[in-house]
ModelCIF file with pLDDT and N, C-alpha, C, O atoms, coordinates in Angstrom:
data_MODEL
#
_entry.id   MODEL 
#
_entity.id                         1 
_entity.type                       polymer 
_entity.pdbx_number_of_molecules   1 
#
_entity_poly.entity_id                      1 
_entity_poly.type                           'polypeptide(L)' 
_entity_poly.nstd_linkage                   no 
_entity_poly.nstd_monomer                   no 
_entity_poly.pdbx_seq_one_letter_code       GQERGSSIVPALQSVYWPRYDRGQRGIAAHLEAVNFHTRSFGSQ 
_entity_poly.pdbx_seq_one_letter_code_can   GQERGSSIVPALQSVYWPRYDRGQRGIAAHLEAVNFHTRSFGSQ 
_entity_poly.pdbx_strand_id                 A 
#
loop_
_entity_poly_seq.entity_id 
_entity_poly_seq.num 
_entity_poly_seq.mon_id 
_entity_poly_seq.hetero 
1 1  GLY n 
1 2  GLN n 
1 3  GLU n 
1 4  ARG n 
1 5  GLY n 
1 6  SER n 
1 7  SER n 
1 8  ILE n 
1 9  VAL n 
1 10 PRO n 
1 11 ALA n 
1 12 LEU n 
1 13 GLN n 
1 14 SER n 
1 15 VAL n 
1 16 TYR n 
1 17 TRP n 
1 18 PRO n 
1 19 ARG n 
1 20 TYR n 
1 21 ASP n 
1 22 ARG n 
1 23 GLY n 
1 24 GLN n 
1 25 ARG n 
1 26 GLY n 
1 27 ILE n 
1 28 ALA n 
1 29 ALA n 
1 30 HIS n 
1 31 LEU n 
1 32 GLU n 
1 33 ALA n 
1 34 VAL n 
1 35 ASN n 
1 36 PHE n 
1 37 HIS n 
1 38 THR n 
1 39 ARG n 
1 40 SER n 
1 41 PHE n 
1 42 GLY n 
1 43 SER n 
1 44 GLN n 
#
_struct_asym.id          A 
_struct_asym.entity_id   1 
#
loop_
_ma_qa_metric.id 
_ma_qa_metric.mode 
_ma_qa_metric.name 
_ma_qa_metric.software_group_id 
_ma_qa_metric.type 
1 global pLDDT . pLDDT 
2 local  pLDDT . pLDDT 
#
_ma_qa_metric_global.metric_id      1 
_ma_qa_metric_global.metric_value   95.77 
_ma_qa_metric_global.model_id       1 
_ma_qa_metric_global.ordinal_id     1 
#
loop_
_ma_qa_metric_local.label_asym_id 
_ma_qa_metric_local.label_comp_id 
_ma_qa_metric_local.label_seq_id 
_ma_qa_metric_local.metric_id 
_ma_qa_metric_local.metric_value 
_ma_qa_metric_local.model_id 
_ma_qa_metric_local.ordinal_id 
A GLY 1  2 95.00 1 1  
A GLN 2  2 97.00 1 2  
A GLU 3  2 97.00 1 3  
A ARG 4  2 96.00 1 4  
A GLY 5  2 96.00 1 5  
A SER 6  2 95.00 1 6  
A SER 7  2 96.00 1 7  
A ILE 8  2 97.00 1 8  
A VAL 9  2 97.00 1 9  
A PRO 10 2 97.00 1 10 
A ALA 11 2 97.00 1 11 
A LEU 12 2 98.00 1 12 
A GLN 13 2 97.00 1 13 
A SER 14 2 96.00 1 14 
A VAL 15 2 94.00 1 15 
A TYR 16 2 96.00 1 16 
A TRP 17 2 96.00 1 17 
A PRO 18 2 94.00 1 18 
A ARG 19 2 93.00 1 19 
A TYR 20 2 95.00 1 20 
A ASP 21 2 95.00 1 21 
A ARG 22 2 95.00 1 22 
A GLY 23 2 92.00 1 23 
A GLN 24 2 90.00 1 24 
A ARG 25 2 93.00 1 25 
A GLY 26 2 96.00 1 26 
A ILE 27 2 96.00 1 27 
A ALA 28 2 95.00 1 28 
A ALA 29 2 96.00 1 29 
A HIS 30 2 97.00 1 30 
A LEU 31 2 98.00 1 31 
A GLU 32 2 98.00 1 32 
A ALA 33 2 98.00 1 33 
A VAL 34 2 98.00 1 34 
A ASN 35 2 97.00 1 35 
A PHE 36 2 97.00 1 36 
A HIS 37 2 97.00 1 37 
A THR 38 2 97.00 1 38 
A ARG 39 2 96.00 1 39 
A SER 40 2 95.00 1 40 
A PHE 41 2 95.00 1 41 
A GLY 42 2 94.00 1 42 
A SER 43 2 94.00 1 43 
A GLN 44 2 96.00 1 44 
#
loop_
_atom_site.group_PDB 
_atom_site.id 
_atom_site.type_symbol 
_atom_site.label_atom_id 
_atom_site.label_alt_id 
_atom_site.label_comp_id 
_atom_site.label_asym_id 
_atom_site.label_entity_id 
_atom_site.label_seq_id 
_atom_site.pdbx_PDB_ins_code 
_atom_site.Cartn_x 
_atom_site.Cartn_y 
_atom_site.Cartn_z 
_atom_site.occupancy 
_atom_site.B_iso_or_equiv 
_atom_site.pdbx_formal_charge 
_atom_site.auth_seq_id 
_atom_site.auth_comp_id 
_atom_site.auth_asym_id 
_atom_site.auth_atom_id 
_atom_site.pdbx_PDB_model_num 
ATOM 1   N N  . GLY A 1 1  ? 1.874   -12.030 -7.239  1.00 95.00 ? 1  GLY A N  1 
ATOM 2   C CA . GLY A 1 1  ? 2.057   -12.332 -6.638  1.00 95.00 ? 1  GLY A CA 1 
ATOM 3   C C  . GLY A 1 1  ? 2.646   -11.277 -5.141  1.00 95.00 ? 1  GLY A C  1 
ATOM 4   O O  . GLY A 1 1  ? 2.014   -10.431 -4.508  1.00 95.00 ? 1  GLY A O  1 
ATOM 5   N N  . GLN A 1 2  ? 4.449   -11.899 -4.919  1.00 97.00 ? 2  GLN A N  1 
ATOM 6   C CA . GLN A 1 2  ? 4.065   -11.092 -3.949  1.00 97.00 ? 2  GLN A CA 1 
ATOM 7   C C  . GLN A 1 2  ? 5.522   -10.394 -4.307  1.00 97.00 ? 2  GLN A C  1 
ATOM 8   O O  . GLN A 1 2  ? 6.436   -11.159 -4.616  1.00 97.00 ? 2  GLN A O  1 
ATOM 9   N N  . GLU A 1 3  ? 5.789   -8.877  -4.275  1.00 97.00 ? 3  GLU A N  1 
ATOM 10  C CA . GLU A 1 3  ? 6.509   -7.773  -4.227  1.00 97.00 ? 3  GLU A CA 1 
ATOM 11  C C  . GLU A 1 3  ? 7.013   -7.686  -3.560  1.00 97.00 ? 3  GLU A C  1 
ATOM 12  O O  . GLU A 1 3  ? 6.498   -7.687  -2.442  1.00 97.00 ? 3  GLU A O  1 
ATOM 13  N N  . ARG A 1 4  ? 8.704   -7.509  -3.735  1.00 96.00 ? 4  ARG A N  1 
ATOM 14  C CA . ARG A 1 4  ? 9.930   -7.922  -2.639  1.00 96.00 ? 4  ARG A CA 1 
ATOM 15  C C  . ARG A 1 4  ? 11.171  -7.035  -2.896  1.00 96.00 ? 4  ARG A C  1 
ATOM 16  O O  . ARG A 1 4  ? 11.893  -6.992  -3.892  1.00 96.00 ? 4  ARG A O  1 
ATOM 17  N N  . GLY A 1 5  ? 11.234  -6.273  -1.628  1.00 96.00 ? 5  GLY A N  1 
ATOM 18  C CA . GLY A 1 5  ? 12.312  -5.733  -1.268  1.00 96.00 ? 5  GLY A CA 1 
ATOM 19  C C  . GLY A 1 5  ? 12.655  -4.068  -2.523  1.00 96.00 ? 5  GLY A C  1 
ATOM 20  O O  . GLY A 1 5  ? 11.812  -3.172  -2.505  1.00 96.00 ? 5  GLY A O  1 
ATOM 21  N N  . SER A 1 6  ? 13.567  -3.971  -3.199  1.00 95.00 ? 6  SER A N  1 
ATOM 22  C CA . SER A 1 6  ? 13.748  -2.888  -3.962  1.00 95.00 ? 6  SER A CA 1 
ATOM 23  C C  . SER A 1 6  ? 12.853  -2.708  -4.835  1.00 95.00 ? 6  SER A C  1 
ATOM 24  O O  . SER A 1 6  ? 12.500  -1.590  -5.211  1.00 95.00 ? 6  SER A O  1 
ATOM 25  N N  . SER A 1 7  ? 12.324  -3.924  -5.309  1.00 96.00 ? 7  SER A N  1 
ATOM 26  C CA . SER A 1 7  ? 10.895  -3.840  -6.552  1.00 96.00 ? 7  SER A CA 1 
ATOM 27  C C  . SER A 1 7  ? 9.577   -3.856  -6.284  1.00 96.00 ? 7  SER A C  1 
ATOM 28  O O  . SER A 1 7  ? 8.656   -4.249  -7.000  1.00 96.00 ? 7  SER A O  1 
ATOM 29  N N  . ILE A 1 8  ? 9.555   -3.395  -5.190  1.00 97.00 ? 8  ILE A N  1 
ATOM 30  C CA . ILE A 1 8  ? 8.193   -3.005  -4.352  1.00 97.00 ? 8  ILE A CA 1 
ATOM 31  C C  . ILE A 1 8  ? 7.524   -1.350  -5.103  1.00 97.00 ? 8  ILE A C  1 
ATOM 32  O O  . ILE A 1 8  ? 6.582   -1.254  -5.890  1.00 97.00 ? 8  ILE A O  1 
ATOM 33  N N  . VAL A 1 9  ? 8.327   -0.283  -4.571  1.00 97.00 ? 9  VAL A N  1 
ATOM 34  C CA . VAL A 1 9  ? 8.370   0.633   -4.864  1.00 97.00 ? 9  VAL A CA 1 
ATOM 35  C C  . VAL A 1 9  ? 7.930   1.009   -6.672  1.00 97.00 ? 9  VAL A C  1 
ATOM 36  O O  . VAL A 1 9  ? 6.886   1.516   -7.081  1.00 97.00 ? 9  VAL A O  1 
ATOM 37  N N  . PRO A 1 10 ? 8.862   0.653   -7.294  1.00 97.00 ? 10 PRO A N  1 
ATOM 38  C CA . PRO A 1 10 ? 8.587   0.561   -8.651  1.00 97.00 ? 10 PRO A CA 1 
ATOM 39  C C  . PRO A 1 10 ? 7.578   -0.516  -9.187  1.00 97.00 ? 10 PRO A C  1 
ATOM 40  O O  . PRO A 1 10 ? 7.480   -0.820  -10.376 1.00 97.00 ? 10 PRO A O  1 
ATOM 41  N N  . ALA A 1 11 ? 6.856   -1.045  -8.189  1.00 97.00 ? 11 ALA A N  1 
ATOM 42  C CA . ALA A 1 11 ? 5.802   -2.157  -8.718  1.00 97.00 ? 11 ALA A CA 1 
ATOM 43  C C  . ALA A 1 11 ? 4.515   -1.363  -8.502  1.00 97.00 ? 11 ALA A C  1 
ATOM 44  O O  . ALA A 1 11 ? 3.468   -1.435  -9.145  1.00 97.00 ? 11 ALA A O  1 
ATOM 45  N N  . LEU A 1 12 ? 4.790   -0.665  -7.556  1.00 98.00 ? 12 LEU A N  1 
ATOM 46  C CA . LEU A 1 12 ? 4.193   0.304   -7.403  1.00 98.00 ? 12 LEU A CA 1 
ATOM 47  C C  . LEU A 1 12 ? 3.820   1.426   -8.147  1.00 98.00 ? 12 LEU A C  1 
ATOM 48  O O  . LEU A 1 12 ? 2.697   1.823   -8.455  1.00 98.00 ? 12 LEU A O  1 
ATOM 49  N N  . GLN A 1 13 ? 4.766   1.812   -8.353  1.00 97.00 ? 13 GLN A N  1 
ATOM 50  C CA . GLN A 1 13 ? 4.295   2.692   -9.597  1.00 97.00 ? 13 GLN A CA 1 
ATOM 51  C C  . GLN A 1 13 ? 3.713   2.429   -11.159 1.00 97.00 ? 13 GLN A C  1 
ATOM 52  O O  . GLN A 1 13 ? 2.920   3.059   -11.858 1.00 97.00 ? 13 GLN A O  1 
ATOM 53  N N  . SER A 1 14 ? 4.222   1.621   -11.297 1.00 96.00 ? 14 SER A N  1 
ATOM 54  C CA . SER A 1 14 ? 4.010   1.181   -12.973 1.00 96.00 ? 14 SER A CA 1 
ATOM 55  C C  . SER A 1 14 ? 2.994   0.046   -12.848 1.00 96.00 ? 14 SER A C  1 
ATOM 56  O O  . SER A 1 14 ? 2.401   -0.191  -13.900 1.00 96.00 ? 14 SER A O  1 
ATOM 57  N N  . VAL A 1 15 ? 2.631   -0.770  -11.710 1.00 94.00 ? 15 VAL A N  1 
ATOM 58  C CA . VAL A 1 15 ? 1.491   -1.476  -12.298 1.00 94.00 ? 15 VAL A CA 1 
ATOM 59  C C  . VAL A 1 15 ? 0.206   -1.262  -11.309 1.00 94.00 ? 15 VAL A C  1 
ATOM 60  O O  . VAL A 1 15 ? -0.930  -1.479  -11.732 1.00 94.00 ? 15 VAL A O  1 
ATOM 61  N N  . TYR A 1 16 ? 0.503   -0.727  -9.666  1.00 96.00 ? 16 TYR A N  1 
ATOM 62  C CA . TYR A 1 16 ? -0.561  -0.519  -9.178  1.00 96.00 ? 16 TYR A CA 1 
ATOM 63  C C  . TYR A 1 16 ? -1.228  0.688   -8.673  1.00 96.00 ? 16 TYR A C  1 
ATOM 64  O O  . TYR A 1 16 ? -2.157  0.622   -7.868  1.00 96.00 ? 16 TYR A O  1 
ATOM 65  N N  . TRP A 1 17 ? -0.824  1.647   -9.077  1.00 96.00 ? 17 TRP A N  1 
ATOM 66  C CA . TRP A 1 17 ? -1.094  3.052   -8.639  1.00 96.00 ? 17 TRP A CA 1 
ATOM 67  C C  . TRP A 1 17 ? -2.093  3.694   -10.021 1.00 96.00 ? 17 TRP A C  1 
ATOM 68  O O  . TRP A 1 17 ? -3.140  4.323   -9.871  1.00 96.00 ? 17 TRP A O  1 
ATOM 69  N N  . PRO A 1 18 ? -1.615  3.432   -11.014 1.00 94.00 ? 18 PRO A N  1 
ATOM 70  C CA . PRO A 1 18 ? -2.343  3.331   -12.337 1.00 94.00 ? 18 PRO A CA 1 
ATOM 71  C C  . PRO A 1 18 ? -3.848  3.308   -12.219 1.00 94.00 ? 18 PRO A C  1 
ATOM 72  O O  . PRO A 1 18 ? -4.752  4.135   -12.335 1.00 94.00 ? 18 PRO A O  1 
ATOM 73  N N  . ARG A 1 19 ? -3.713  1.587   -11.847 1.00 93.00 ? 19 ARG A N  1 
ATOM 74  C CA . ARG A 1 19 ? -5.140  1.636   -11.517 1.00 93.00 ? 19 ARG A CA 1 
ATOM 75  C C  . ARG A 1 19 ? -6.348  2.594   -10.844 1.00 93.00 ? 19 ARG A C  1 
ATOM 76  O O  . ARG A 1 19 ? -7.542  2.568   -11.144 1.00 93.00 ? 19 ARG A O  1 
ATOM 77  N N  . TYR A 1 20 ? -5.890  3.187   -10.151 1.00 95.00 ? 20 TYR A N  1 
ATOM 78  C CA . TYR A 1 20 ? -6.889  4.034   -9.193  1.00 95.00 ? 20 TYR A CA 1 
ATOM 79  C C  . TYR A 1 20 ? -6.603  5.989   -9.516  1.00 95.00 ? 20 TYR A C  1 
ATOM 80  O O  . TYR A 1 20 ? -5.524  6.582   -9.492  1.00 95.00 ? 20 TYR A O  1 
ATOM 81  N N  . ASP A 1 21 ? -7.748  6.461   -9.742  1.00 95.00 ? 21 ASP A N  1 
ATOM 82  C CA . ASP A 1 21 ? -7.672  7.860   -9.986  1.00 95.00 ? 21 ASP A CA 1 
ATOM 83  C C  . ASP A 1 21 ? -7.006  8.482   -9.061  1.00 95.00 ? 21 ASP A C  1 
ATOM 84  O O  . ASP A 1 21 ? -7.219  8.498   -7.849  1.00 95.00 ? 21 ASP A O  1 
ATOM 85  N N  . ARG A 1 22 ? -5.933  9.160   -9.860  1.00 95.00 ? 22 ARG A N  1 
ATOM 86  C CA . ARG A 1 22 ? -4.737  9.545   -8.682  1.00 95.00 ? 22 ARG A CA 1 
ATOM 87  C C  . ARG A 1 22 ? -5.040  11.304  -9.613  1.00 95.00 ? 22 ARG A C  1 
ATOM 88  O O  . ARG A 1 22 ? -5.810  11.717  -10.481 1.00 95.00 ? 22 ARG A O  1 
ATOM 89  N N  . GLY A 1 23 ? -3.878  11.885  -8.749  1.00 92.00 ? 23 GLY A N  1 
ATOM 90  C CA . GLY A 1 23 ? -3.027  13.146  -9.267  1.00 92.00 ? 23 GLY A CA 1 
ATOM 91  C C  . GLY A 1 23 ? -2.399  14.031  -8.160  1.00 92.00 ? 23 GLY A C  1 
ATOM 92  O O  . GLY A 1 23 ? -2.958  14.059  -7.064  1.00 92.00 ? 23 GLY A O  1 
ATOM 93  N N  . GLN A 1 24 ? -1.221  14.790  -8.383  1.00 90.00 ? 24 GLN A N  1 
ATOM 94  C CA . GLN A 1 24 ? -0.437  15.026  -7.581  1.00 90.00 ? 24 GLN A CA 1 
ATOM 95  C C  . GLN A 1 24 ? -0.108  15.447  -6.084  1.00 90.00 ? 24 GLN A C  1 
ATOM 96  O O  . GLN A 1 24 ? 1.016   15.707  -5.653  1.00 90.00 ? 24 GLN A O  1 
ATOM 97  N N  . ARG A 1 25 ? -1.460  15.467  -5.277  1.00 93.00 ? 25 ARG A N  1 
ATOM 98  C CA . ARG A 1 25 ? -1.395  14.399  -4.171  1.00 93.00 ? 25 ARG A CA 1 
ATOM 99  C C  . ARG A 1 25 ? -1.285  13.401  -3.645  1.00 93.00 ? 25 ARG A C  1 
ATOM 100 O O  . ARG A 1 25 ? -0.929  12.993  -2.539  1.00 93.00 ? 25 ARG A O  1 
ATOM 101 N N  . GLY A 1 26 ? -1.807  12.811  -5.023  1.00 96.00 ? 26 GLY A N  1 
ATOM 102 C CA . GLY A 1 26 ? -1.683  10.998  -4.443  1.00 96.00 ? 26 GLY A CA 1 
ATOM 103 C C  . GLY A 1 26 ? -3.463  9.981   -5.021  1.00 96.00 ? 26 GLY A C  1 
ATOM 104 O O  . GLY A 1 26 ? -4.158  10.735  -5.703  1.00 96.00 ? 26 GLY A O  1 
ATOM 105 N N  . ILE A 1 27 ? -3.903  9.020   -4.883  1.00 96.00 ? 27 ILE A N  1 
ATOM 106 C CA . ILE A 1 27 ? -4.873  8.155   -5.123  1.00 96.00 ? 27 ILE A CA 1 
ATOM 107 C C  . ILE A 1 27 ? -6.089  9.603   -4.359  1.00 96.00 ? 27 ILE A C  1 
ATOM 108 O O  . ILE A 1 27 ? -5.941  10.214  -3.300  1.00 96.00 ? 27 ILE A O  1 
ATOM 109 N N  . ALA A 1 28 ? -6.810  9.693   -5.033  1.00 95.00 ? 28 ALA A N  1 
ATOM 110 C CA . ALA A 1 28 ? -8.338  10.277  -4.722  1.00 95.00 ? 28 ALA A CA 1 
ATOM 111 C C  . ALA A 1 28 ? -9.524  9.187   -4.071  1.00 95.00 ? 28 ALA A C  1 
ATOM 112 O O  . ALA A 1 28 ? -10.461 8.758   -4.743  1.00 95.00 ? 28 ALA A O  1 
ATOM 113 N N  . ALA A 1 29 ? -9.260  8.805   -2.508  1.00 96.00 ? 29 ALA A N  1 
ATOM 114 C CA . ALA A 1 29 ? -10.133 8.398   -2.419  1.00 96.00 ? 29 ALA A CA 1 
ATOM 115 C C  . ALA A 1 29 ? -9.508  8.241   -0.286  1.00 96.00 ? 29 ALA A C  1 
ATOM 116 O O  . ALA A 1 29 ? -8.391  8.397   0.209   1.00 96.00 ? 29 ALA A O  1 
ATOM 117 N N  . HIS A 1 30 ? -10.527 7.975   0.208   1.00 97.00 ? 30 HIS A N  1 
ATOM 118 C CA . HIS A 1 30 ? -10.560 7.901   1.600   1.00 97.00 ? 30 HIS A CA 1 
ATOM 119 C C  . HIS A 1 30 ? -10.302 6.286   2.210   1.00 97.00 ? 30 HIS A C  1 
ATOM 120 O O  . HIS A 1 30 ? -11.117 5.444   1.833   1.00 97.00 ? 30 HIS A O  1 
ATOM 121 N N  . LEU A 1 31 ? -9.538  5.980   2.848   1.00 98.00 ? 31 LEU A N  1 
ATOM 122 C CA . LEU A 1 31 ? -9.565  5.378   3.904   1.00 98.00 ? 31 LEU A CA 1 
ATOM 123 C C  . LEU A 1 31 ? -9.861  5.062   5.074   1.00 98.00 ? 31 LEU A C  1 
ATOM 124 O O  . LEU A 1 31 ? -9.413  5.803   5.950   1.00 98.00 ? 31 LEU A O  1 
ATOM 125 N N  . GLU A 1 32 ? -10.609 4.006   5.454   1.00 98.00 ? 32 GLU A N  1 
ATOM 126 C CA . GLU A 1 32 ? -11.253 3.744   6.808   1.00 98.00 ? 32 GLU A CA 1 
ATOM 127 C C  . GLU A 1 32 ? -10.680 2.736   7.023   1.00 98.00 ? 32 GLU A C  1 
ATOM 128 O O  . GLU A 1 32 ? -10.550 1.845   6.183   1.00 98.00 ? 32 GLU A O  1 
ATOM 129 N N  . ALA A 1 33 ? -9.951  2.673   8.934   1.00 98.00 ? 33 ALA A N  1 
ATOM 130 C CA . ALA A 1 33 ? -9.483  1.142   9.419   1.00 98.00 ? 33 ALA A CA 1 
ATOM 131 C C  . ALA A 1 33 ? -10.222 1.196   10.164  1.00 98.00 ? 33 ALA A C  1 
ATOM 132 O O  . ALA A 1 33 ? -10.428 2.188   10.863  1.00 98.00 ? 33 ALA A O  1 
ATOM 133 N N  . VAL A 1 34 ? -11.100 -0.340  10.242  1.00 98.00 ? 34 VAL A N  1 
ATOM 134 C CA . VAL A 1 34 ? -12.272 -0.587  11.240  1.00 98.00 ? 34 VAL A CA 1 
ATOM 135 C C  . VAL A 1 34 ? -11.803 -1.888  11.763  1.00 98.00 ? 34 VAL A C  1 
ATOM 136 O O  . VAL A 1 34 ? -11.506 -2.652  10.845  1.00 98.00 ? 34 VAL A O  1 
ATOM 137 N N  . ASN A 1 35 ? -11.670 -2.299  12.745  1.00 97.00 ? 35 ASN A N  1 
ATOM 138 C CA . ASN A 1 35 ? -11.607 -3.139  13.563  1.00 97.00 ? 35 ASN A CA 1 
ATOM 139 C C  . ASN A 1 35 ? -9.424  -3.190  14.041  1.00 97.00 ? 35 ASN A C  1 
ATOM 140 O O  . ASN A 1 35 ? -8.640  -4.134  14.138  1.00 97.00 ? 35 ASN A O  1 
ATOM 141 N N  . PHE A 1 36 ? -9.300  -2.098  14.156  1.00 97.00 ? 36 PHE A N  1 
ATOM 142 C CA . PHE A 1 36 ? -7.904  -2.244  14.298  1.00 97.00 ? 36 PHE A CA 1 
ATOM 143 C C  . PHE A 1 36 ? -7.387  -3.239  15.544  1.00 97.00 ? 36 PHE A C  1 
ATOM 144 O O  . PHE A 1 36 ? -7.941  -3.266  16.643  1.00 97.00 ? 36 PHE A O  1 
ATOM 145 N N  . HIS A 1 37 ? -6.056  -4.169  15.123  1.00 97.00 ? 37 HIS A N  1 
ATOM 146 C CA . HIS A 1 37 ? -5.875  -4.897  15.952  1.00 97.00 ? 37 HIS A CA 1 
ATOM 147 C C  . HIS A 1 37 ? -3.819  -5.104  15.996  1.00 97.00 ? 37 HIS A C  1 
ATOM 148 O O  . HIS A 1 37 ? -3.158  -5.021  14.962  1.00 97.00 ? 37 HIS A O  1 
ATOM 149 N N  . THR A 1 38 ? -3.272  -5.328  17.193  1.00 97.00 ? 38 THR A N  1 
ATOM 150 C CA . THR A 1 38 ? -2.016  -5.395  17.480  1.00 97.00 ? 38 THR A CA 1 
ATOM 151 C C  . THR A 1 38 ? -2.035  -6.113  18.148  1.00 97.00 ? 38 THR A C  1 
ATOM 152 O O  . THR A 1 38 ? -2.933  -6.507  18.892  1.00 97.00 ? 38 THR A O  1 
ATOM 153 N N  . ARG A 1 39 ? -0.421  -6.608  17.917  1.00 96.00 ? 39 ARG A N  1 
ATOM 154 C CA . ARG A 1 39 ? -0.540  -7.987  19.072  1.00 96.00 ? 39 ARG A CA 1 
ATOM 155 C C  . ARG A 1 39 ? 1.291   -8.209  18.606  1.00 96.00 ? 39 ARG A C  1 
ATOM 156 O O  . ARG A 1 39 ? 1.944   -8.395  17.580  1.00 96.00 ? 39 ARG A O  1 
ATOM 157 N N  . SER A 1 40 ? 1.540   -8.042  20.119  1.00 95.00 ? 40 SER A N  1 
ATOM 158 C CA . SER A 1 40 ? 3.169   -8.897  20.163  1.00 95.00 ? 40 SER A CA 1 
ATOM 159 C C  . SER A 1 40 ? 3.660   -9.571  19.713  1.00 95.00 ? 40 SER A C  1 
ATOM 160 O O  . SER A 1 40 ? 2.711   -10.321 19.488  1.00 95.00 ? 40 SER A O  1 
ATOM 161 N N  . PHE A 1 41 ? 4.735   -10.208 19.175  1.00 95.00 ? 41 PHE A N  1 
ATOM 162 C CA . PHE A 1 41 ? 4.687   -11.403 18.431  1.00 95.00 ? 41 PHE A CA 1 
ATOM 163 C C  . PHE A 1 41 ? 6.190   -11.849 18.979  1.00 95.00 ? 41 PHE A C  1 
ATOM 164 O O  . PHE A 1 41 ? 6.882   -10.857 18.746  1.00 95.00 ? 41 PHE A O  1 
ATOM 165 N N  . GLY A 1 42 ? 6.956   -12.768 19.538  1.00 94.00 ? 42 GLY A N  1 
ATOM 166 C CA . GLY A 1 42 ? 8.647   -12.033 19.449  1.00 94.00 ? 42 GLY A CA 1 
ATOM 167 C C  . GLY A 1 42 ? 9.319   -10.908 19.819  1.00 94.00 ? 42 GLY A C  1 
ATOM 168 O O  . GLY A 1 42 ? 9.364   -10.410 20.944  1.00 94.00 ? 42 GLY A O  1 
ATOM 169 N N  . SER A 1 43 ? 10.032  -10.395 18.447  1.00 94.00 ? 43 SER A N  1 
ATOM 170 C CA . SER A 1 43 ? 10.561  -9.754  18.026  1.00 94.00 ? 43 SER A CA 1 
ATOM 171 C C  . SER A 1 43 ? 9.862   -8.491  17.418  1.00 94.00 ? 43 SER A C  1 
ATOM 172 O O  . SER A 1 43 ? 10.244  -7.336  17.232  1.00 94.00 ? 43 SER A O  1 
ATOM 173 N N  . GLN A 1 44 ? 8.617   -9.196  17.166  1.00 96.00 ? 44 GLN A N  1 
ATOM 174 C CA . GLN A 1 44 ? 7.875   -8.319  15.942  1.00 96.00 ? 44 GLN A CA 1 
ATOM 175 C C  . GLN A 1 44 ? 6.616   -8.152  16.181  1.00 96.00 ? 44 GLN A C  1 
ATOM 176 O O  . GLN A 1 44 ? 5.914   -7.529  15.384  1.00 96.00 ? 44 GLN A O  1 
#
């Protein structure tokens, strides 16, 4: 489901990040962003 507020980082540490190859510098992966798009939406 959705992690919320102060529970986000603990959930990443205990549940999500352990499923990736990782070391002291973080997850061992390259992320490429494609089709990047932004939209002004009221105050957001």
